[in-house]
Amino acid sequence: MEGLRNNTVQYVPGTLKITKAIILSLEDYEKLAEDISPEYPFLKDNRDLMKADRGGRFHALLAMTETGSEGMLLAQGKGGLYVGLSRDVQKLDLQGIPTERIKLEEPTVYQERAVFYRKPCNVEDIKNQDPRRTTSERQMNFRVEMAVVLEDTQYGQFKKIGLQEDHIFLFKNNDKMWFDPDVLCWHCLLVKGENSKDGILVEAEGYAHARYAAFVPNCDRLRLKDVPLWYEYPARVLERQKSKGRGEAR
């Protein structure tokens, strides 16, 4: 922030729209000002509210304190994180702008991409530990639309023999799983145990079993804020004839 405060950095022209105000303590605000890392969790959690178009429109978060006059404008684009300075936030029109008070968490490196495998039989397939398996699947972006929590024993069974079984929780949440070819992104469910560190990303592609799946070694590295939870006790198996499919096109 010192470069902005002293007018020693290069500016990028554009018009501004503030999409959300983030209220920090004075201590957290100064900490953010010293190192404005794009890896801060609140920036990742609000990524849909930011946009940066050089010379065009900037959709930005406003980071500020409860009593101070200064504010930071933060926008994320293809060129990275863009930062602006408001010397007097009282002069900004914030009427109707959503506000969130947060405790600044340390920057976190999230898992952004995963390798999805087609029609895996068990967790070993998606951990790529079977030398007989083809490696044509490639790493792509993903987004968790819902987290399904199983009892630990049931999750162990799901990993061992359940990926090709039809499940009620996949059947009922089919609308939350799809692949977006425009941005090469898997929209998927996260299936995990109550106390498991790892998890499995599932895209059923209209079916009730794991048509495509990816292994996640550490669920703490996933962006799960505001992701709905589905508790499945027990993890009921769906009869095959009730499974909904779209053919064997893939």
C-alpha atoms as a PDB file:
ATOM      1  CA  MET A   1       0.000   0.000   0.000  1.00  0.00           C
ATOM      2  CA  GLU A   2       2.932   2.377   0.489  1.00  0.00           C
ATOM      3  CA  GLY A   3       3.326   2.714  -3.279  1.00  0.00           C
ATOM      4  CA  LEU A   4      -0.321   3.780  -3.605  1.00  0.00           C
ATOM      5  CA  ARG A   5      -0.120   6.117  -0.641  1.00  0.00           C
ATOM      6  CA  ASN A   6       2.962   7.821  -2.075  1.00  0.00           C
ATOM      7  CA  ASN A   7       1.806   7.768  -5.727  1.00  0.00           C
ATOM      8  CA  THR A   8       4.846   5.760  -6.825  1.00  0.00           C
ATOM      9  CA  VAL A   9       3.083   2.938  -8.685  1.00  0.00           C
ATOM     10  CA  GLN A  10       1.651   2.724 -12.188  1.00  0.00           C
ATOM     11  CA  TYR A  11      -2.110   3.197 -12.451  1.00  0.00           C
ATOM     12  CA  VAL A  12      -4.509   1.326 -14.715  1.00  0.00           C
ATOM     13  CA  PRO A  13      -7.532   3.295 -15.988  1.00  0.00           C
ATOM     14  CA  GLY A  14     -11.074   2.006 -15.607  1.00  0.00           C
ATOM     15  CA  THR A  15     -14.457   2.571 -14.027  1.00  0.00           C
ATOM     16  CA  LEU A  16     -15.260   1.210 -10.582  1.00  0.00           C
ATOM     17  CA  LYS A  17     -18.113  -0.768  -9.053  1.00  0.00           C
ATOM     18  CA  ILE A  18     -17.837  -1.758  -5.394  1.00  0.00           C
ATOM     19  CA  THR A  19     -19.494  -5.137  -4.873  1.00  0.00           C
ATOM     20  CA  LYS A  20     -18.856  -5.715  -1.150  1.00  0.00           C
ATOM     21  CA  ALA A  21     -17.337  -3.989   1.881  1.00  0.00           C
ATOM     22  CA  ILE A  22     -15.003  -6.056   4.080  1.00  0.00           C
ATOM     23  CA  ILE A  23     -14.644  -4.624   7.596  1.00  0.00           C
ATOM     24  CA  LEU A  24     -11.352  -5.404   9.344  1.00  0.00           C
ATOM     25  CA  SER A  25      -9.829  -4.458  12.660  1.00  0.00           C
ATOM     26  CA  LEU A  26      -7.144  -1.773  12.457  1.00  0.00           C
ATOM     27  CA  GLU A  27      -4.481  -4.388  13.180  1.00  0.00           C
ATOM     28  CA  ASP A  28      -5.728  -6.693  10.425  1.00  0.00           C
ATOM     29  CA  TYR A  29      -6.060  -3.805   7.976  1.00  0.00           C
ATOM     30  CA  GLU A  30      -2.430  -2.804   8.493  1.00  0.00           C
ATOM     31  CA  LYS A  31      -1.351  -6.426   8.193  1.00  0.00           C
ATOM     32  CA  LEU A  32      -3.164  -6.716   4.857  1.00  0.00           C
ATOM     33  CA  ALA A  33      -1.673  -3.399   3.704  1.00  0.00           C
ATOM     34  CA  GLU A  34       1.854  -4.696   4.342  1.00  0.00           C
ATOM     35  CA  ASP A  35       1.385  -7.809   2.193  1.00  0.00           C
ATOM     36  CA  ILE A  36      -1.607  -7.880  -0.134  1.00  0.00           C
ATOM     37  CA  SER A  37      -1.453 -11.548  -1.084  1.00  0.00           C
ATOM     38  CA  PRO A  38      -4.043 -12.990  -3.513  1.00  0.00           C
ATOM     39  CA  GLU A  39      -3.980 -16.143  -1.382  1.00  0.00           C
ATOM     40  CA  TYR A  40      -5.941 -14.630   1.520  1.00  0.00           C
ATOM     41  CA  PRO A  41      -9.042 -16.798   2.133  1.00  0.00           C
ATOM     42  CA  PHE A  42     -11.485 -13.860   2.025  1.00  0.00           C
ATOM     43  CA  LEU A  43     -10.328 -13.031  -1.506  1.00  0.00           C
ATOM     44  CA  LYS A  44     -10.768 -16.630  -2.610  1.00  0.00           C
ATOM     45  CA  ASP A  45     -14.198 -16.821  -0.968  1.00  0.00           C
ATOM     46  CA  ASN A  46     -15.368 -13.659  -2.747  1.00  0.00           C
ATOM     47  CA  ARG A  47     -13.792 -14.361  -6.123  1.00  0.00           C
ATOM     48  CA  ASP A  48     -17.173 -14.220  -7.889  1.00  0.00           C
ATOM     49  CA  LEU A  49     -17.594 -10.597  -6.793  1.00  0.00           C
ATOM     50  CA  MET A  50     -14.348  -9.391  -8.368  1.00  0.00           C
ATOM     51  CA  LYS A  51     -13.530  -8.560 -11.957  1.00  0.00           C
ATOM     52  CA  ALA A  52     -10.678  -6.603 -13.508  1.00  0.00           C
ATOM     53  CA  ASP A  53     -10.794  -5.333 -17.073  1.00  0.00           C
ATOM     54  CA  ARG A  54      -7.831  -3.052 -17.826  1.00  0.00           C
ATOM     55  CA  GLY A  55      -9.178   0.176 -19.242  1.00  0.00           C
ATOM     56  CA  GLY A  56     -12.726  -1.034 -18.661  1.00  0.00           C
ATOM     57  CA  ARG A  57     -14.851  -2.031 -15.687  1.00  0.00           C
ATOM     58  CA  PHE A  58     -13.490  -3.065 -12.288  1.00  0.00           C
ATOM     59  CA  HIS A  59     -15.699  -4.927  -9.817  1.00  0.00           C
ATOM     60  CA  ALA A  60     -13.906  -4.602  -6.500  1.00  0.00           C
ATOM     61  CA  LEU A  61     -14.081  -5.421  -2.821  1.00  0.00           C
ATOM     62  CA  LEU A  62     -13.556  -2.534  -0.441  1.00  0.00           C
ATOM     63  CA  ALA A  63     -11.418  -3.448   2.582  1.00  0.00           C
ATOM     64  CA  MET A  64     -11.735  -0.897   5.369  1.00  0.00           C
ATOM     65  CA  THR A  65     -11.853  -0.441   9.130  1.00  0.00           C
ATOM     66  CA  GLU A  66     -14.791   0.579  11.283  1.00  0.00           C
ATOM     67  CA  THR A  67     -13.417   4.047  12.063  1.00  0.00           C
ATOM     68  CA  GLY A  68     -10.572   4.801   9.636  1.00  0.00           C
ATOM     69  CA  SER A  69     -10.926   6.925   6.510  1.00  0.00           C
ATOM     70  CA  GLU A  70      -8.673   4.878   4.204  1.00  0.00           C
ATOM     71  CA  GLY A  71      -9.812   1.856   2.214  1.00  0.00           C
ATOM     72  CA  MET A  72      -8.337  -0.705  -0.163  1.00  0.00           C
ATOM     73  CA  LEU A  73     -10.033  -1.613  -3.434  1.00  0.00           C
ATOM     74  CA  LEU A  74      -9.304  -5.184  -4.521  1.00  0.00           C
ATOM     75  CA  ALA A  75     -10.186  -6.664  -7.918  1.00  0.00           C
ATOM     76  CA  GLN A  76      -9.100  -9.979  -9.429  1.00  0.00           C
ATOM     77  CA  GLY A  77      -8.622 -10.508 -13.146  1.00  0.00           C
ATOM     78  CA  LYS A  78      -6.620 -12.580 -15.620  1.00  0.00           C
ATOM     79  CA  GLY A  79      -3.661 -10.302 -14.988  1.00  0.00           C
ATOM     80  CA  GLY A  80      -3.709 -11.010 -11.276  1.00  0.00           C
ATOM     81  CA  LEU A  81      -4.808  -8.945  -8.297  1.00  0.00           C
ATOM     82  CA  TYR A  82      -5.385  -5.216  -8.829  1.00  0.00           C
ATOM     83  CA  VAL A  83      -5.281  -2.865  -5.848  1.00  0.00           C
ATOM     84  CA  GLY A  84      -6.646   0.663  -5.536  1.00  0.00           C
ATOM     85  CA  LEU A  85      -6.672   3.232  -2.760  1.00  0.00           C
ATOM     86  CA  SER A  86      -9.587   5.227  -1.389  1.00  0.00           C
ATOM     87  CA  ARG A  87      -8.291   8.017   0.823  1.00  0.00           C
ATOM     88  CA  ASP A  88     -11.738   8.760   2.227  1.00  0.00           C
ATOM     89  CA  VAL A  89     -14.290   5.933   2.229  1.00  0.00           C
ATOM     90  CA  GLN A  90     -16.929   8.335   3.549  1.00  0.00           C
ATOM     91  CA  LYS A  91     -17.058   9.872   0.081  1.00  0.00           C
ATOM     92  CA  LEU A  92     -17.909   6.534  -1.551  1.00  0.00           C
ATOM     93  CA  ASP A  93     -21.507   5.580  -2.264  1.00  0.00           C
ATOM     94  CA  LEU A  94     -21.927   2.369  -0.268  1.00  0.00           C
ATOM     95  CA  GLN A  95     -25.690   2.390   0.002  1.00  0.00           C
ATOM     96  CA  GLY A  96     -27.047  -1.106  -0.617  1.00  0.00           C
ATOM     97  CA  ILE A  97     -23.553  -2.629  -0.732  1.00  0.00           C
ATOM     98  CA  PRO A  98     -23.310  -5.877   1.325  1.00  0.00           C
ATOM     99  CA  THR A  99     -20.964  -5.730   4.306  1.00  0.00           C
ATOM    100  CA  GLU A 100     -19.023  -8.497   6.061  1.00  0.00           C
ATOM    101  CA  ARG A 101     -16.906  -8.195   9.202  1.00  0.00           C
ATOM    102  CA  ILE A 102     -14.092 -10.727   9.211  1.00  0.00           C
ATOM    103  CA  LYS A 103     -11.025 -11.792  11.137  1.00  0.00           C
ATOM    104  CA  LEU A 104      -8.116 -11.833   8.708  1.00  0.00           C
ATOM    105  CA  GLU A 105      -6.915 -15.395   8.207  1.00  0.00           C
ATOM    106  CA  GLU A 106      -3.422 -16.239   7.024  1.00  0.00           C
ATOM    107  CA  PRO A 107      -2.972 -16.664   3.252  1.00  0.00           C
ATOM    108  CA  THR A 108      -3.871 -20.188   2.212  1.00  0.00           C
ATOM    109  CA  VAL A 109      -2.775 -22.051  -0.890  1.00  0.00           C
ATOM    110  CA  TYR A 110      -5.945 -23.796  -2.059  1.00  0.00           C
ATOM    111  CA  GLN A 111      -6.118 -26.820  -4.306  1.00  0.00           C
ATOM    112  CA  GLU A 112      -7.504 -25.335  -7.511  1.00  0.00           C
ATOM    113  CA  ARG A 113      -7.195 -28.244  -9.940  1.00  0.00           C
ATOM    114  CA  ALA A 114      -7.581 -32.019  -9.946  1.00  0.00           C
ATOM    115  CA  VAL A 115      -7.276 -34.988 -12.300  1.00  0.00           C
ATOM    116  CA  PHE A 116     -10.662 -36.613 -12.939  1.00  0.00           C
ATOM    117  CA  TYR A 117     -10.776 -40.259 -14.023  1.00  0.00           C
ATOM    118  CA  ARG A 118     -13.584 -41.828 -16.020  1.00  0.00           C
ATOM    119  CA  LYS A 119     -15.509 -44.764 -14.515  1.00  0.00           C
ATOM    120  CA  PRO A 120     -13.088 -45.560 -11.668  1.00  0.00           C
ATOM    121  CA  CYS A 121     -13.674 -48.734  -9.643  1.00  0.00           C
ATOM    122  CA  ASN A 122     -12.010 -47.690  -6.403  1.00  0.00           C
ATOM    123  CA  VAL A 123      -9.825 -45.029  -4.829  1.00  0.00           C
ATOM    124  CA  GLU A 124      -6.635 -46.633  -6.156  1.00  0.00           C
ATOM    125  CA  ASP A 125      -7.779 -45.854  -9.695  1.00  0.00           C
ATOM    126  CA  ILE A 126      -8.098 -42.135  -9.018  1.00  0.00           C
ATOM    127  CA  LYS A 127      -4.846 -41.997  -7.047  1.00  0.00           C
ATOM    128  CA  ASN A 128      -3.152 -43.112 -10.279  1.00  0.00           C
ATOM    129  CA  GLN A 129      -1.406 -46.014  -8.553  1.00  0.00           C
ATOM    130  CA  ASP A 130      -2.449 -48.658 -11.067  1.00  0.00           C
ATOM    131  CA  PRO A 131       0.268 -48.853 -13.780  1.00  0.00           C
ATOM    132  CA  ARG A 132      -2.190 -50.572 -16.140  1.00  0.00           C
ATOM    133  CA  ARG A 133      -4.492 -47.559 -16.167  1.00  0.00           C
ATOM    134  CA  THR A 134      -4.263 -45.023 -18.992  1.00  0.00           C
ATOM    135  CA  THR A 135      -3.202 -41.495 -18.094  1.00  0.00           C
ATOM    136  CA  SER A 136      -5.214 -39.672 -20.755  1.00  0.00           C
ATOM    137  CA  GLU A 137      -7.187 -37.748 -18.141  1.00  0.00           C
ATOM    138  CA  ARG A 138      -5.747 -34.286 -17.534  1.00  0.00           C
ATOM    139  CA  GLN A 139      -5.695 -31.860 -14.664  1.00  0.00           C
ATOM    140  CA  MET A 140      -8.537 -29.303 -14.770  1.00  0.00           C
ATOM    141  CA  ASN A 141     -10.266 -26.722 -12.625  1.00  0.00           C
ATOM    142  CA  PHE A 142     -13.083 -27.798 -10.334  1.00  0.00           C
ATOM    143  CA  ARG A 143     -15.666 -26.264  -8.059  1.00  0.00           C
ATOM    144  CA  VAL A 144     -17.372 -28.035  -5.162  1.00  0.00           C
ATOM    145  CA  GLU A 145     -21.137 -27.425  -5.271  1.00  0.00           C
ATOM    146  CA  MET A 146     -21.996 -29.611  -2.252  1.00  0.00           C
ATOM    147  CA  ALA A 147     -20.123 -31.654   0.363  1.00  0.00           C
ATOM    148  CA  VAL A 148     -21.576 -35.080   1.202  1.00  0.00           C
ATOM    149  CA  VAL A 149     -20.551 -36.389   4.632  1.00  0.00           C
ATOM    150  CA  LEU A 150     -20.637 -40.141   5.286  1.00  0.00           C
ATOM    151  CA  GLU A 151     -19.879 -42.071   8.441  1.00  0.00           C
ATOM    152  CA  ASP A 152     -16.179 -42.957   8.445  1.00  0.00           C
ATOM    153  CA  THR A 153     -16.822 -46.677   7.980  1.00  0.00           C
ATOM    154  CA  GLN A 154     -19.196 -46.004   5.093  1.00  0.00           C
ATOM    155  CA  TYR A 155     -16.709 -43.622   3.502  1.00  0.00           C
ATOM    156  CA  GLY A 156     -14.067 -46.351   3.686  1.00  0.00           C
ATOM    157  CA  GLN A 157     -16.446 -48.706   1.896  1.00  0.00           C
ATOM    158  CA  PHE A 158     -17.275 -46.044  -0.681  1.00  0.00           C
ATOM    159  CA  LYS A 159     -13.579 -45.645  -1.480  1.00  0.00           C
ATOM    160  CA  LYS A 160     -12.956 -49.385  -1.598  1.00  0.00           C
ATOM    161  CA  ILE A 161     -15.934 -50.757  -3.535  1.00  0.00           C
ATOM    162  CA  GLY A 162     -18.550 -48.017  -3.868  1.00  0.00           C
ATOM    163  CA  LEU A 163     -17.474 -45.769  -6.724  1.00  0.00           C
ATOM    164  CA  GLN A 164     -19.379 -47.809  -9.314  1.00  0.00           C
ATOM    165  CA  GLU A 165     -22.403 -48.388  -7.073  1.00  0.00           C
ATOM    166  CA  ASP A 166     -25.478 -46.188  -7.538  1.00  0.00           C
ATOM    167  CA  HIS A 167     -26.108 -43.996  -4.488  1.00  0.00           C
ATOM    168  CA  ILE A 168     -29.136 -42.026  -3.309  1.00  0.00           C
ATOM    169  CA  PHE A 169     -27.048 -38.917  -2.525  1.00  0.00           C
ATOM    170  CA  LEU A 170     -25.681 -38.823  -6.084  1.00  0.00           C
ATOM    171  CA  PHE A 171     -29.090 -39.450  -7.627  1.00  0.00           C
ATOM    172  CA  LYS A 172     -30.791 -36.689  -5.616  1.00  0.00           C
ATOM    173  CA  ASN A 173     -28.032 -34.120  -6.218  1.00  0.00           C
ATOM    174  CA  ASN A 174     -27.498 -34.688  -9.910  1.00  0.00           C
ATOM    175  CA  ASP A 175     -28.278 -31.047 -10.690  1.00  0.00           C
ATOM    176  CA  LYS A 176     -25.140 -30.004  -8.798  1.00  0.00           C
ATOM    177  CA  MET A 177     -22.766 -31.922 -11.053  1.00  0.00           C
ATOM    178  CA  TRP A 178     -21.752 -30.956 -14.574  1.00  0.00           C
ATOM    179  CA  PHE A 179     -18.757 -30.112 -16.726  1.00  0.00           C
ATOM    180  CA  ASP A 180     -18.444 -26.619 -18.194  1.00  0.00           C
ATOM    181  CA  PRO A 181     -16.502 -26.939 -21.487  1.00  0.00           C
ATOM    182  CA  ASP A 182     -16.199 -23.173 -21.955  1.00  0.00           C
ATOM    183  CA  VAL A 183     -13.889 -22.787 -18.956  1.00  0.00           C
ATOM    184  CA  LEU A 184     -12.859 -26.457 -18.570  1.00  0.00           C
ATOM    185  CA  CYS A 185     -14.279 -26.689 -15.053  1.00  0.00           C
ATOM    186  CA  TRP A 186     -15.821 -29.653 -13.225  1.00  0.00           C
ATOM    187  CA  HIS A 187     -18.752 -28.750 -10.983  1.00  0.00           C
ATOM    188  CA  CYS A 188     -18.891 -31.614  -8.523  1.00  0.00           C
ATOM    189  CA  LEU A 189     -19.717 -33.066  -5.128  1.00  0.00           C
ATOM    190  CA  LEU A 190     -17.119 -33.664  -2.449  1.00  0.00           C
ATOM    191  CA  VAL A 191     -17.658 -37.014  -0.721  1.00  0.00           C
ATOM    192  CA  LYS A 192     -15.824 -37.466   2.581  1.00  0.00           C
ATOM    193  CA  GLY A 193     -16.018 -39.127   5.971  1.00  0.00           C
ATOM    194  CA  GLU A 194     -16.939 -37.391   9.216  1.00  0.00           C
ATOM    195  CA  ASN A 195     -13.315 -37.348  10.353  1.00  0.00           C
ATOM    196  CA  SER A 196     -11.445 -38.061   7.141  1.00  0.00           C
ATOM    197  CA  LYS A 197      -8.705 -35.762   5.952  1.00  0.00           C
ATOM    198  CA  ASP A 198      -9.040 -36.874   2.345  1.00  0.00           C
ATOM    199  CA  GLY A 199     -12.066 -36.827   0.071  1.00  0.00           C
ATOM    200  CA  ILE A 200     -13.317 -37.730  -3.403  1.00  0.00           C
ATOM    201  CA  LEU A 201     -14.658 -35.281  -5.980  1.00  0.00           C
ATOM    202  CA  VAL A 202     -17.502 -36.813  -7.984  1.00  0.00           C
ATOM    203  CA  GLU A 203     -19.193 -35.756 -11.220  1.00  0.00           C
ATOM    204  CA  ALA A 204     -21.910 -38.302 -11.999  1.00  0.00           C
ATOM    205  CA  GLU A 205     -22.760 -36.902 -15.468  1.00  0.00           C
ATOM    206  CA  GLY A 206     -26.444 -37.683 -15.046  1.00  0.00           C
ATOM    207  CA  TYR A 207     -25.954 -41.071 -13.418  1.00  0.00           C
ATOM    208  CA  ALA A 208     -26.083 -42.091  -9.759  1.00  0.00           C
ATOM    209  CA  HIS A 209     -22.516 -43.400  -9.546  1.00  0.00           C
ATOM    210  CA  ALA A 210     -19.103 -41.807  -9.869  1.00  0.00           C
ATOM    211  CA  ARG A 211     -18.900 -41.420 -13.632  1.00  0.00           C
ATOM    212  CA  TYR A 212     -15.879 -39.166 -13.138  1.00  0.00           C
ATOM    213  CA  ALA A 213     -13.927 -38.845  -9.894  1.00  0.00           C
ATOM    214  CA  ALA A 214     -10.784 -37.222  -8.481  1.00  0.00           C
ATOM    215  CA  PHE A 215      -8.884 -37.803  -5.254  1.00  0.00           C
ATOM    216  CA  VAL A 216      -8.311 -34.976  -2.764  1.00  0.00           C
ATOM    217  CA  PRO A 217      -5.567 -35.740  -0.213  1.00  0.00           C
ATOM    218  CA  ASN A 218      -6.434 -32.821   2.082  1.00  0.00           C
ATOM    219  CA  CYS A 219      -9.952 -31.365   2.244  1.00  0.00           C
ATOM    220  CA  ASP A 220      -8.681 -28.427   4.321  1.00  0.00           C
ATOM    221  CA  ARG A 221      -7.145 -27.066   1.126  1.00  0.00           C
ATOM    222  CA  LEU A 222     -10.522 -26.856  -0.632  1.00  0.00           C
ATOM    223  CA  ARG A 223     -12.681 -23.753  -0.777  1.00  0.00           C
ATOM    224  CA  LEU A 224     -15.743 -24.895   1.160  1.00  0.00           C
ATOM    225  CA  LYS A 225     -17.050 -21.685   2.682  1.00  0.00           C
ATOM    226  CA  ASP A 226     -20.823 -21.464   2.084  1.00  0.00           C
ATOM    227  CA  VAL A 227     -20.798 -24.863   0.342  1.00  0.00           C
ATOM    228  CA  PRO A 228     -23.954 -26.738   1.486  1.00  0.00           C
ATOM    229  CA  LEU A 229     -23.565 -29.991   3.446  1.00  0.00           C
ATOM    230  CA  TRP A 230     -25.495 -33.221   2.908  1.00  0.00           C
ATOM    231  CA  TYR A 231     -25.262 -35.788   5.712  1.00  0.00           C
ATOM    232  CA  GLU A 232     -25.994 -39.290   4.429  1.00  0.00           C
ATOM    233  CA  TYR A 233     -26.553 -41.762   7.286  1.00  0.00           C
ATOM    234  CA  PRO A 234     -26.518 -44.469   6.142  1.00  0.00           C
ATOM    235  CA  ALA A 235     -25.107 -44.211   2.620  1.00  0.00           C
ATOM    236  CA  ARG A 236     -27.963 -46.013   0.887  1.00  0.00           C
ATOM    237  CA  VAL A 237     -27.381 -47.802  -2.406  1.00  0.00           C
ATOM    238  CA  LEU A 238     -29.816 -47.045  -5.218  1.00  0.00           C
ATOM    239  CA  GLU A 239     -31.319 -49.827  -7.276  1.00  0.00           C
ATOM    240  CA  ARG A 240     -29.769 -49.917 -10.745  1.00  0.00           C
ATOM    241  CA  GLN A 241     -33.045 -49.569 -12.644  1.00  0.00           C
ATOM    242  CA  LYS A 242     -33.693 -46.245 -10.905  1.00  0.00           C
ATOM    243  CA  SER A 243     -30.429 -44.740 -12.061  1.00  0.00           C
ATOM    244  CA  LYS A 244     -30.767 -41.865 -14.480  1.00  0.00           C
ATOM    245  CA  GLY A 245     -28.332 -41.800 -17.403  1.00  0.00           C
ATOM    246  CA  ARG A 246     -27.594 -39.942 -20.570  1.00  0.00           C
ATOM    247  CA  GLY A 247     -26.082 -42.801 -22.534  1.00  0.00           C
ATOM    248  CA  GLU A 248     -22.494 -43.916 -23.014  1.00  0.00           C
ATOM    249  CA  ALA A 249     -21.373 -40.975 -25.087  1.00  0.00           C
ATOM    250  CA  ARG A 250     -18.226 -40.322 -23.081  1.00  0.00           C
END
